[in-house]
Amino acid sequence: MRKPKQPITFIFLASLIEPMTGPLTTPCWIVQRYATDKHGYIRLKWSKKRLFAHRIMYELVFGKIPKGLVVRHTCDRPACINPCHLDAGTPAHNVADRVMRGRNGRNGNAKLTEQQVLQILTLLKEGELSQKKLAERFGIGRSTIAGISRGETWKYLQPRF
């Protein structure tokens, strides 16, 4: 794991993030008060440009992203900005991660696994969490949860009556 080049102030972080349990031993830092795009990423206005929040965090902590590399999420949550969960790698590494983590499903661009969709369907049926909270928990957009809920996406996993 890389060590940060510069400290980040607690006040700055506290104003943007909410720690959430994730697949790693350290919590995901999920950006609050900003909508996710259709892929679950957060974009912030930074230096008069709209940039991905995870890329901003990477550059604040580790320095400039090397040319030709992307910032990957080791936690597999696009909305996470925890620098311990961010790593630079090639686009090929990013694709290999996606395949290794089973996010291909029937759709090579799927952000969720079949198991995650089944878990979402169960949580939706229980009705204890809002679609917004489910989207945050799984690091995806609320519209993705809505599509699952209405049976518009992942249809083959929907119960048939």
N, C-alpha and C. Protein backbone atom coordinates (compact mmCIF):
# COMPACT_ATOMS: atom_id res chain seq x y z
N MET A 1 0.85 -1.17 0.00
CA MET A 1 0.00 0.00 0.00
C MET A 1 0.89 1.23 0.00
N ARG A 2 0.54 2.23 -0.82
CA ARG A 2 1.31 3.45 -0.91
C ARG A 2 1.04 4.34 0.29
N LYS A 3 2.04 5.12 0.70
CA LYS A 3 1.89 6.06 1.80
C LYS A 3 1.58 7.44 1.23
N PRO A 4 0.64 8.17 1.85
CA PRO A 4 0.30 9.49 1.38
C PRO A 4 1.49 10.45 1.41
N LYS A 5 1.57 11.34 0.40
CA LYS A 5 2.62 12.34 0.34
C LYS A 5 2.31 13.52 1.26
N GLN A 6 1.04 13.83 1.45
CA GLN A 6 0.67 14.97 2.28
C GLN A 6 -0.56 14.62 3.11
N PRO A 7 -0.69 15.23 4.30
CA PRO A 7 -1.87 14.95 5.13
C PRO A 7 -3.11 15.65 4.57
N ILE A 8 -4.25 15.11 4.85
CA ILE A 8 -5.52 15.71 4.47
C ILE A 8 -6.17 16.13 5.77
N THR A 9 -6.71 17.32 5.84
CA THR A 9 -7.27 17.79 7.10
C THR A 9 -8.57 17.06 7.42
N PHE A 10 -8.79 16.84 8.70
CA PHE A 10 -10.00 16.17 9.15
C PHE A 10 -11.23 16.99 8.78
N ILE A 11 -11.15 18.31 8.88
CA ILE A 11 -12.30 19.16 8.59
C ILE A 11 -12.73 18.98 7.14
N PHE A 12 -11.77 18.95 6.20
CA PHE A 12 -12.09 18.75 4.80
C PHE A 12 -12.78 17.41 4.59
N LEU A 13 -12.21 16.35 5.16
CA LEU A 13 -12.78 15.01 4.99
C LEU A 13 -14.14 14.89 5.65
N ALA A 14 -14.25 15.41 6.86
CA ALA A 14 -15.51 15.30 7.59
C ALA A 14 -16.65 15.98 6.86
N SER A 15 -16.35 17.02 6.09
CA SER A 15 -17.41 17.73 5.38
C SER A 15 -17.87 16.97 4.13
N LEU A 16 -17.08 16.03 3.65
CA LEU A 16 -17.41 15.34 2.41
C LEU A 16 -17.82 13.88 2.56
N ILE A 17 -17.33 13.21 3.58
CA ILE A 17 -17.48 11.75 3.59
C ILE A 17 -18.29 11.21 4.74
N GLU A 18 -18.77 10.01 4.52
CA GLU A 18 -19.40 9.21 5.57
C GLU A 18 -18.75 7.83 5.48
N PRO A 19 -18.03 7.41 6.55
CA PRO A 19 -17.43 6.07 6.50
C PRO A 19 -18.51 5.00 6.43
N MET A 20 -18.30 4.00 5.59
CA MET A 20 -19.24 2.89 5.45
C MET A 20 -18.47 1.59 5.39
N THR A 21 -19.01 0.59 6.00
CA THR A 21 -18.40 -0.72 5.95
C THR A 21 -18.37 -1.21 4.51
N GLY A 22 -17.24 -1.76 4.14
CA GLY A 22 -17.09 -2.26 2.78
C GLY A 22 -16.40 -3.61 2.81
N PRO A 23 -15.94 -4.06 1.67
CA PRO A 23 -15.34 -5.38 1.58
C PRO A 23 -13.92 -5.46 2.15
N LEU A 24 -13.29 -4.31 2.42
CA LEU A 24 -11.93 -4.31 2.94
C LEU A 24 -11.93 -4.07 4.45
N THR A 25 -10.76 -4.19 5.08
CA THR A 25 -10.69 -4.02 6.54
C THR A 25 -10.87 -2.57 6.96
N THR A 26 -10.55 -1.63 6.09
CA THR A 26 -10.78 -0.22 6.39
C THR A 26 -12.08 0.21 5.73
N PRO A 27 -12.78 1.17 6.34
CA PRO A 27 -14.08 1.56 5.77
C PRO A 27 -13.94 2.33 4.47
N CYS A 28 -14.97 2.21 3.64
CA CYS A 28 -15.05 3.05 2.45
C CYS A 28 -15.43 4.45 2.92
N TRP A 29 -14.92 5.46 2.25
CA TRP A 29 -15.31 6.85 2.50
C TRP A 29 -16.21 7.27 1.36
N ILE A 30 -17.50 7.34 1.63
CA ILE A 30 -18.47 7.65 0.58
C ILE A 30 -18.79 9.14 0.62
N VAL A 31 -18.65 9.80 -0.51
CA VAL A 31 -18.93 11.22 -0.61
C VAL A 31 -20.43 11.44 -0.46
N GLN A 32 -20.80 12.37 0.41
CA GLN A 32 -22.20 12.70 0.65
C GLN A 32 -22.56 14.02 -0.02
N ARG A 33 -23.85 14.27 -0.14
CA ARG A 33 -24.40 15.52 -0.67
C ARG A 33 -24.14 15.74 -2.16
N TYR A 34 -23.66 14.72 -2.86
CA TYR A 34 -23.44 14.83 -4.29
C TYR A 34 -24.07 13.60 -4.95
N ALA A 35 -24.71 13.81 -6.08
CA ALA A 35 -25.34 12.70 -6.79
C ALA A 35 -24.27 11.90 -7.53
N THR A 36 -24.53 10.61 -7.67
CA THR A 36 -23.63 9.77 -8.45
C THR A 36 -24.08 9.78 -9.91
N ASP A 37 -23.13 9.52 -10.80
CA ASP A 37 -23.50 9.39 -12.21
C ASP A 37 -24.05 7.97 -12.42
N LYS A 38 -24.37 7.63 -13.65
CA LYS A 38 -25.00 6.33 -13.90
C LYS A 38 -24.08 5.15 -13.60
N HIS A 39 -22.80 5.41 -13.42
CA HIS A 39 -21.85 4.35 -13.10
C HIS A 39 -21.49 4.33 -11.61
N GLY A 40 -22.08 5.23 -10.83
CA GLY A 40 -21.84 5.27 -9.39
C GLY A 40 -20.71 6.18 -8.96
N TYR A 41 -20.12 6.93 -9.88
CA TYR A 41 -19.03 7.84 -9.55
C TYR A 41 -19.55 9.20 -9.14
N ILE A 42 -18.78 9.89 -8.30
CA ILE A 42 -19.10 11.25 -7.86
C ILE A 42 -18.22 12.22 -8.66
N ARG A 43 -18.82 13.28 -9.15
CA ARG A 43 -18.05 14.34 -9.82
C ARG A 43 -18.17 15.60 -8.98
N LEU A 44 -17.03 16.26 -8.76
CA LEU A 44 -16.98 17.49 -7.99
C LEU A 44 -16.41 18.61 -8.86
N LYS A 45 -16.84 19.82 -8.57
CA LYS A 45 -16.24 20.97 -9.25
C LYS A 45 -14.94 21.28 -8.54
N TRP A 46 -13.84 21.25 -9.27
CA TRP A 46 -12.51 21.43 -8.71
C TRP A 46 -11.69 22.23 -9.71
N SER A 47 -11.19 23.37 -9.30
CA SER A 47 -10.42 24.24 -10.20
C SER A 47 -11.20 24.56 -11.47
N LYS A 48 -12.46 24.89 -11.30
CA LYS A 48 -13.37 25.27 -12.40
C LYS A 48 -13.65 24.14 -13.39
N LYS A 49 -13.35 22.90 -13.01
CA LYS A 49 -13.64 21.74 -13.85
C LYS A 49 -14.44 20.73 -13.03
N ARG A 50 -15.24 19.91 -13.72
CA ARG A 50 -15.94 18.81 -13.04
C ARG A 50 -15.08 17.56 -13.19
N LEU A 51 -14.58 17.09 -12.04
CA LEU A 51 -13.67 15.95 -12.02
C LEU A 51 -14.21 14.86 -11.12
N PHE A 52 -13.74 13.63 -11.35
CA PHE A 52 -14.13 12.52 -10.50
C PHE A 52 -13.51 12.71 -9.11
N ALA A 53 -14.33 12.51 -8.08
CA ALA A 53 -13.88 12.71 -6.69
C ALA A 53 -12.72 11.79 -6.33
N HIS A 54 -12.74 10.54 -6.81
CA HIS A 54 -11.67 9.62 -6.45
C HIS A 54 -10.34 10.02 -7.09
N ARG A 55 -10.40 10.63 -8.26
CA ARG A 55 -9.17 11.10 -8.91
C ARG A 55 -8.62 12.33 -8.19
N ILE A 56 -9.53 13.21 -7.74
CA ILE A 56 -9.10 14.38 -6.95
C ILE A 56 -8.39 13.90 -5.69
N MET A 57 -9.01 12.95 -4.97
CA MET A 57 -8.42 12.45 -3.73
C MET A 57 -7.06 11.80 -4.00
N TYR A 58 -6.99 11.00 -5.04
CA TYR A 58 -5.71 10.35 -5.36
C TYR A 58 -4.62 11.40 -5.56
N GLU A 59 -4.92 12.42 -6.35
CA GLU A 59 -3.91 13.44 -6.63
C GLU A 59 -3.57 14.28 -5.39
N LEU A 60 -4.55 14.53 -4.52
CA LEU A 60 -4.26 15.27 -3.28
C LEU A 60 -3.31 14.49 -2.39
N VAL A 61 -3.49 13.18 -2.36
CA VAL A 61 -2.72 12.35 -1.44
C VAL A 61 -1.41 11.84 -2.05
N PHE A 62 -1.45 11.32 -3.26
CA PHE A 62 -0.29 10.66 -3.86
C PHE A 62 0.43 11.47 -4.94
N GLY A 63 -0.20 12.54 -5.43
CA GLY A 63 0.40 13.30 -6.51
C GLY A 63 -0.26 12.98 -7.84
N LYS A 64 0.28 13.54 -8.90
CA LYS A 64 -0.31 13.41 -10.23
C LYS A 64 -0.45 11.94 -10.65
N ILE A 65 -1.56 11.66 -11.31
CA ILE A 65 -1.81 10.31 -11.82
C ILE A 65 -0.88 10.12 -13.03
N PRO A 66 -0.07 9.06 -13.01
CA PRO A 66 0.85 8.83 -14.13
C PRO A 66 0.10 8.70 -15.46
N LYS A 67 0.69 9.25 -16.50
CA LYS A 67 0.09 9.23 -17.84
C LYS A 67 -0.19 7.79 -18.27
N GLY A 68 -1.38 7.59 -18.82
CA GLY A 68 -1.77 6.28 -19.32
C GLY A 68 -2.37 5.36 -18.26
N LEU A 69 -2.42 5.83 -17.00
CA LEU A 69 -2.98 5.01 -15.93
C LEU A 69 -4.34 5.55 -15.49
N VAL A 70 -5.12 4.68 -14.90
CA VAL A 70 -6.41 5.04 -14.32
C VAL A 70 -6.32 4.83 -12.81
N VAL A 71 -7.26 5.43 -12.08
CA VAL A 71 -7.32 5.21 -10.63
C VAL A 71 -8.36 4.12 -10.39
N ARG A 72 -7.90 3.02 -9.81
CA ARG A 72 -8.77 1.87 -9.56
C ARG A 72 -9.22 1.86 -8.10
N HIS A 73 -10.39 1.29 -7.86
CA HIS A 73 -10.93 1.12 -6.51
C HIS A 73 -10.70 -0.32 -6.08
N THR A 74 -9.84 -0.54 -5.08
CA THR A 74 -9.63 -1.90 -4.60
C THR A 74 -10.85 -2.41 -3.85
N CYS A 75 -11.71 -1.48 -3.40
CA CYS A 75 -12.94 -1.85 -2.69
C CYS A 75 -14.09 -2.10 -3.65
N ASP A 76 -13.91 -1.77 -4.92
CA ASP A 76 -14.93 -1.98 -5.94
C ASP A 76 -16.16 -1.07 -5.77
N ARG A 77 -15.99 0.08 -5.11
CA ARG A 77 -17.09 1.03 -4.92
C ARG A 77 -16.73 2.36 -5.58
N PRO A 78 -17.36 2.70 -6.69
CA PRO A 78 -17.01 3.92 -7.41
C PRO A 78 -17.12 5.21 -6.60
N ALA A 79 -18.00 5.26 -5.63
CA ALA A 79 -18.19 6.49 -4.84
C ALA A 79 -17.17 6.63 -3.71
N CYS A 80 -16.34 5.63 -3.47
CA CYS A 80 -15.37 5.65 -2.37
C CYS A 80 -14.17 6.53 -2.73
N ILE A 81 -13.74 7.35 -1.73
CA ILE A 81 -12.55 8.18 -1.94
C ILE A 81 -11.49 7.91 -0.87
N ASN A 82 -11.59 6.80 -0.17
CA ASN A 82 -10.57 6.45 0.82
C ASN A 82 -9.26 6.19 0.07
N PRO A 83 -8.20 6.99 0.35
CA PRO A 83 -6.97 6.81 -0.40
C PRO A 83 -6.35 5.42 -0.24
N CYS A 84 -6.66 4.74 0.86
CA CYS A 84 -6.16 3.37 1.05
C CYS A 84 -6.82 2.40 0.07
N HIS A 85 -7.94 2.81 -0.53
CA HIS A 85 -8.67 1.96 -1.46
C HIS A 85 -8.40 2.34 -2.91
N LEU A 86 -7.57 3.34 -3.13
CA LEU A 86 -7.29 3.83 -4.49
C LEU A 86 -5.90 3.41 -4.93
N ASP A 87 -5.79 2.96 -6.18
CA ASP A 87 -4.52 2.50 -6.70
C ASP A 87 -4.46 2.82 -8.19
N ALA A 88 -3.32 3.29 -8.65
CA ALA A 88 -3.17 3.56 -10.08
C ALA A 88 -2.83 2.26 -10.80
N GLY A 89 -3.39 2.08 -11.96
CA GLY A 89 -3.12 0.89 -12.76
C GLY A 89 -3.49 1.13 -14.21
N THR A 90 -3.16 0.20 -15.04
CA THR A 90 -3.49 0.33 -16.45
C THR A 90 -4.97 0.01 -16.68
N PRO A 91 -5.53 0.48 -17.78
CA PRO A 91 -6.90 0.08 -18.10
C PRO A 91 -7.05 -1.45 -18.16
N ALA A 92 -6.01 -2.15 -18.61
CA ALA A 92 -6.07 -3.62 -18.66
C ALA A 92 -6.18 -4.20 -17.25
N HIS A 93 -5.46 -3.62 -16.29
CA HIS A 93 -5.59 -4.08 -14.90
C HIS A 93 -7.01 -3.85 -14.40
N ASN A 94 -7.59 -2.72 -14.78
CA ASN A 94 -8.94 -2.40 -14.35
C ASN A 94 -9.94 -3.43 -14.88
N VAL A 95 -9.79 -3.80 -16.14
CA VAL A 95 -10.67 -4.82 -16.74
C VAL A 95 -10.45 -6.17 -16.06
N ALA A 96 -9.19 -6.52 -15.80
CA ALA A 96 -8.89 -7.79 -15.14
C ALA A 96 -9.51 -7.83 -13.75
N ASP A 97 -9.46 -6.70 -13.03
CA ASP A 97 -10.11 -6.63 -11.71
C ASP A 97 -11.60 -6.90 -11.83
N ARG A 98 -12.23 -6.28 -12.84
CA ARG A 98 -13.67 -6.44 -13.03
C ARG A 98 -14.02 -7.91 -13.26
N VAL A 99 -13.25 -8.57 -14.09
CA VAL A 99 -13.49 -9.99 -14.39
C VAL A 99 -13.25 -10.83 -13.14
N MET A 100 -12.11 -10.58 -12.45
CA MET A 100 -11.76 -11.35 -11.25
C MET A 100 -12.81 -11.22 -10.15
N ARG A 101 -13.41 -10.04 -10.05
CA ARG A 101 -14.40 -9.80 -8.99
C ARG A 101 -15.80 -10.19 -9.41
N GLY A 102 -15.93 -10.76 -10.59
CA GLY A 102 -17.22 -11.28 -11.02
C GLY A 102 -18.24 -10.22 -11.38
N ARG A 103 -17.79 -9.07 -11.85
CA ARG A 103 -18.74 -8.02 -12.21
C ARG A 103 -19.11 -8.06 -13.67
N ASN A 104 -18.82 -9.15 -14.35
CA ASN A 104 -19.18 -9.21 -15.75
C ASN A 104 -20.61 -9.68 -15.95
N GLY A 105 -21.04 -10.67 -15.18
CA GLY A 105 -22.40 -11.18 -15.34
C GLY A 105 -22.71 -11.44 -16.80
N ARG A 106 -23.96 -11.24 -17.20
CA ARG A 106 -24.33 -11.38 -18.60
C ARG A 106 -23.94 -10.14 -19.37
N ASN A 107 -23.75 -9.05 -18.65
CA ASN A 107 -23.38 -7.78 -19.26
C ASN A 107 -21.96 -7.47 -18.84
N GLY A 108 -21.05 -7.36 -19.79
CA GLY A 108 -19.65 -7.10 -19.47
C GLY A 108 -19.42 -5.80 -18.75
N ASN A 109 -20.39 -4.89 -18.76
CA ASN A 109 -20.24 -3.60 -18.08
C ASN A 109 -20.95 -3.56 -16.73
N ALA A 110 -21.47 -4.69 -16.27
CA ALA A 110 -22.23 -4.71 -15.03
C ALA A 110 -21.37 -4.29 -13.85
N LYS A 111 -21.93 -3.44 -12.99
CA LYS A 111 -21.23 -2.98 -11.79
C LYS A 111 -21.55 -3.88 -10.60
N LEU A 112 -22.57 -4.70 -10.74
CA LEU A 112 -23.00 -5.58 -9.65
C LEU A 112 -22.85 -7.04 -10.07
N THR A 113 -22.67 -7.87 -9.07
CA THR A 113 -22.69 -9.31 -9.32
C THR A 113 -24.12 -9.80 -9.16
N GLU A 114 -24.38 -11.00 -9.62
CA GLU A 114 -25.71 -11.58 -9.44
C GLU A 114 -26.04 -11.70 -7.96
N GLN A 115 -25.06 -12.08 -7.16
CA GLN A 115 -25.26 -12.21 -5.71
C GLN A 115 -25.66 -10.87 -5.09
N GLN A 116 -25.02 -9.78 -5.52
CA GLN A 116 -25.37 -8.46 -5.00
C GLN A 116 -26.79 -8.06 -5.39
N VAL A 117 -27.18 -8.37 -6.63
CA VAL A 117 -28.54 -8.04 -7.08
C VAL A 117 -29.57 -8.81 -6.26
N LEU A 118 -29.30 -10.08 -6.00
CA LEU A 118 -30.21 -10.87 -5.16
C LEU A 118 -30.31 -10.28 -3.76
N GLN A 119 -29.18 -9.82 -3.24
CA GLN A 119 -29.18 -9.17 -1.92
C GLN A 119 -30.00 -7.88 -1.96
N ILE A 120 -29.86 -7.09 -3.03
CA ILE A 120 -30.63 -5.87 -3.18
C ILE A 120 -32.12 -6.19 -3.24
N LEU A 121 -32.49 -7.21 -4.01
CA LEU A 121 -33.90 -7.59 -4.11
C LEU A 121 -34.46 -7.98 -2.74
N THR A 122 -33.67 -8.69 -1.96
CA THR A 122 -34.09 -9.07 -0.60
C THR A 122 -34.28 -7.83 0.26
N LEU A 123 -33.32 -6.92 0.22
CA LEU A 123 -33.40 -5.70 1.02
C LEU A 123 -34.57 -4.81 0.58
N LEU A 124 -34.83 -4.76 -0.73
CA LEU A 124 -35.98 -4.01 -1.22
C LEU A 124 -37.29 -4.61 -0.69
N LYS A 125 -37.36 -5.93 -0.70
CA LYS A 125 -38.57 -6.61 -0.22
C LYS A 125 -38.79 -6.34 1.26
N GLU A 126 -37.69 -6.32 2.04
CA GLU A 126 -37.80 -6.03 3.48
C GLU A 126 -38.24 -4.59 3.72
N GLY A 127 -37.88 -3.68 2.82
CA GLY A 127 -38.34 -2.30 2.88
C GLY A 127 -37.75 -1.44 3.98
N GLU A 128 -36.66 -1.86 4.59
CA GLU A 128 -36.09 -1.09 5.70
C GLU A 128 -35.14 0.01 5.22
N LEU A 129 -34.58 -0.12 4.02
CA LEU A 129 -33.65 0.87 3.50
C LEU A 129 -34.23 1.54 2.26
N SER A 130 -34.02 2.84 2.14
CA SER A 130 -34.47 3.56 0.95
C SER A 130 -33.60 3.17 -0.25
N GLN A 131 -34.09 3.47 -1.42
CA GLN A 131 -33.30 3.21 -2.63
C GLN A 131 -32.00 4.00 -2.59
N LYS A 132 -32.05 5.22 -2.06
CA LYS A 132 -30.85 6.04 -1.96
C LYS A 132 -29.81 5.37 -1.07
N LYS A 133 -30.24 4.87 0.09
CA LYS A 133 -29.31 4.21 1.02
C LYS A 133 -28.75 2.92 0.41
N LEU A 134 -29.59 2.18 -0.30
CA LEU A 134 -29.11 0.97 -0.97
C LEU A 134 -28.07 1.31 -2.03
N ALA A 135 -28.33 2.38 -2.79
CA ALA A 135 -27.37 2.80 -3.81
C ALA A 135 -26.03 3.17 -3.17
N GLU A 136 -26.07 3.89 -2.06
CA GLU A 136 -24.84 4.26 -1.36
C GLU A 136 -24.12 3.02 -0.85
N ARG A 137 -24.87 2.10 -0.30
CA ARG A 137 -24.27 0.89 0.26
C ARG A 137 -23.54 0.07 -0.80
N PHE A 138 -24.12 0.01 -2.00
CA PHE A 138 -23.53 -0.80 -3.06
C PHE A 138 -22.66 0.01 -4.03
N GLY A 139 -22.54 1.32 -3.78
CA GLY A 139 -21.68 2.15 -4.61
C GLY A 139 -22.16 2.32 -6.04
N ILE A 140 -23.48 2.41 -6.20
CA ILE A 140 -24.07 2.58 -7.53
C ILE A 140 -25.07 3.73 -7.48
N GLY A 141 -25.60 4.10 -8.62
CA GLY A 141 -26.59 5.16 -8.68
C GLY A 141 -27.97 4.69 -8.23
N ARG A 142 -28.78 5.64 -7.72
CA ARG A 142 -30.13 5.30 -7.27
C ARG A 142 -30.97 4.79 -8.43
N SER A 143 -30.71 5.30 -9.63
CA SER A 143 -31.49 4.85 -10.79
C SER A 143 -31.26 3.36 -11.07
N THR A 144 -30.08 2.85 -10.73
CA THR A 144 -29.81 1.42 -10.90
C THR A 144 -30.69 0.61 -9.95
N ILE A 145 -30.79 1.07 -8.70
CA ILE A 145 -31.66 0.40 -7.71
C ILE A 145 -33.10 0.46 -8.20
N ALA A 146 -33.53 1.62 -8.71
CA ALA A 146 -34.90 1.77 -9.19
C ALA A 146 -35.18 0.80 -10.34
N GLY A 147 -34.22 0.64 -11.26
CA GLY A 147 -34.38 -0.29 -12.37
C GLY A 147 -34.51 -1.73 -11.91
N ILE A 148 -33.72 -2.09 -10.89
CA ILE A 148 -33.82 -3.44 -10.32
C ILE A 148 -35.18 -3.62 -9.66
N SER A 149 -35.60 -2.61 -8.90
CA SER A 149 -36.87 -2.66 -8.18
C SER A 149 -38.06 -2.82 -9.13
N ARG A 150 -38.03 -2.14 -10.26
CA ARG A 150 -39.13 -2.21 -11.24
C ARG A 150 -39.04 -3.41 -12.16
N GLY A 151 -37.96 -4.17 -12.05
CA GLY A 151 -37.79 -5.34 -12.91
C GLY A 151 -37.33 -5.00 -14.31
N GLU A 152 -36.78 -3.80 -14.49
CA GLU A 152 -36.32 -3.38 -15.82
C GLU A 152 -34.91 -3.89 -16.11
N THR A 153 -34.14 -4.13 -15.07
CA THR A 153 -32.79 -4.65 -15.23
C THR A 153 -32.66 -5.93 -14.41
N TRP A 154 -31.71 -6.76 -14.79
CA TRP A 154 -31.48 -8.04 -14.12
C TRP A 154 -32.78 -8.86 -14.08
N LYS A 155 -33.55 -8.83 -15.14
CA LYS A 155 -34.86 -9.48 -15.20
C LYS A 155 -34.78 -10.97 -14.90
N TYR A 156 -33.72 -11.61 -15.37
CA TYR A 156 -33.62 -13.06 -15.19
C TYR A 156 -33.43 -13.46 -13.72
N LEU A 157 -33.12 -12.49 -12.85
CA LEU A 157 -33.01 -12.79 -11.42
C LEU A 157 -34.29 -12.48 -10.66
N GLN A 158 -35.23 -11.85 -11.32
CA GLN A 158 -36.48 -11.45 -10.66
C GLN A 158 -37.37 -12.67 -10.44
N PRO A 159 -38.03 -12.72 -9.27
CA PRO A 159 -38.94 -13.85 -9.04
C PRO A 159 -40.11 -13.81 -10.01
N ARG A 160 -40.51 -14.99 -10.46
CA ARG A 160 -41.65 -15.09 -11.38
C ARG A 160 -42.84 -15.66 -10.61
N PHE A 161 -43.99 -15.04 -10.83
CA PHE A 161 -45.20 -15.49 -10.12
C PHE A 161 -46.20 -16.05 -11.09
